[in-house]
Amino acid sequence: MAVVVQILAADDAKAWNLFQRHSPGMALPNRTYVVNEDAIKALREAGVRFTEVSRAAERPRVQGALAGERV
């Protein structure tokens, strides 16, 4: 499951180190990251403060199209 989080500025460096070890996520502007559940667990265990912006079980698909297929 993909989770979009925004990290508090004071914890951004700490979070970045955790993300490098725990998640094949994506970095977006304004300390916003798309990560997996393992990374969320690691953030909580490390005491990193963040706001959960969104959750998505999987990418939406166009009916009849395969994942990654151009529509």
Protein backbone atom coordinates (compact mmCIF):
# COMPACT_ATOMS: atom_id res chain seq x y z
CA MET A 1 0.00 0.00 0.00
CA ALA A 2 1.36 3.41 -0.93
CA VAL A 3 1.13 6.13 1.70
CA VAL A 4 1.74 9.84 1.06
CA VAL A 5 3.25 11.60 4.07
CA GLN A 6 4.55 15.07 4.81
CA ILE A 7 7.44 15.23 7.27
CA LEU A 8 8.00 18.08 9.72
CA ALA A 9 11.04 20.17 8.75
CA ALA A 10 12.93 19.32 11.94
CA ASP A 11 12.66 15.57 11.23
CA ASP A 12 13.30 15.59 7.48
CA ALA A 13 16.95 14.47 7.58
CA LYS A 14 16.13 11.65 10.00
CA ALA A 15 13.22 10.54 7.79
CA TRP A 16 15.33 10.65 4.64
CA ASN A 17 17.85 8.24 6.20
CA LEU A 18 15.04 5.83 7.11
CA PHE A 19 13.51 6.03 3.63
CA GLN A 20 16.80 5.07 2.03
CA ARG A 21 16.82 1.82 4.00
CA HIS A 22 13.11 0.91 4.14
CA SER A 23 11.26 2.10 1.08
CA PRO A 24 11.51 2.27 -2.69
CA GLY A 25 9.41 5.43 -2.39
CA MET A 26 9.31 8.74 -4.17
CA ALA A 27 10.30 12.21 -2.94
CA LEU A 28 8.03 15.13 -3.84
CA PRO A 29 8.33 18.86 -3.10
CA ASN A 30 7.72 20.29 0.40
CA ARG A 31 9.03 17.29 2.40
CA THR A 32 6.32 15.06 0.93
CA TYR A 33 7.06 11.40 0.24
CA VAL A 34 5.25 8.39 -1.17
CA VAL A 35 6.36 5.34 0.82
CA ASN A 36 5.24 1.87 1.82
CA GLU A 37 3.89 0.54 5.13
CA ASP A 38 7.33 -0.65 6.26
CA ALA A 39 8.63 2.91 6.03
CA ILE A 40 5.64 4.20 8.03
CA LYS A 41 6.38 1.69 10.77
CA ALA A 42 10.06 2.72 10.81
CA LEU A 43 9.09 6.41 11.05
CA ARG A 44 6.86 5.74 14.06
CA GLU A 45 9.52 3.62 15.78
CA ALA A 46 12.12 6.37 15.24
CA GLY A 47 9.80 9.08 16.60
CA VAL A 48 9.69 11.01 13.31
CA ARG A 49 6.74 13.43 13.23
CA PHE A 50 4.67 13.35 10.06
CA THR A 51 1.20 13.90 8.66
CA GLU A 52 -0.44 11.22 6.57
CA VAL A 53 -1.82 12.93 3.46
CA SER A 54 -3.26 9.98 1.53
CA ARG A 55 -3.40 6.19 1.19
CA ALA A 56 -3.85 4.15 -1.97
CA ALA A 57 -4.15 0.37 -2.12
CA GLU A 58 -3.01 0.30 -5.74
CA ARG A 59 -2.90 2.49 -8.79
CA PRO A 60 -6.26 3.03 -10.46
CA ARG A 61 -6.69 1.19 -13.75
CA VAL A 62 -8.73 1.85 -16.82
CA GLN A 63 -11.11 -1.02 -17.32
CA GLY A 64 -9.61 -3.52 -19.77
CA ALA A 65 -6.12 -1.99 -19.67
CA LEU A 66 -3.08 -3.75 -18.23
CA ALA A 67 -0.90 -2.03 -15.63
CA GLY A 68 1.62 0.21 -17.39
CA GLU A 69 -0.20 0.00 -20.73
CA ARG A 70 -0.66 3.28 -22.60
CA VAL A 71 -4.31 4.19 -22.99
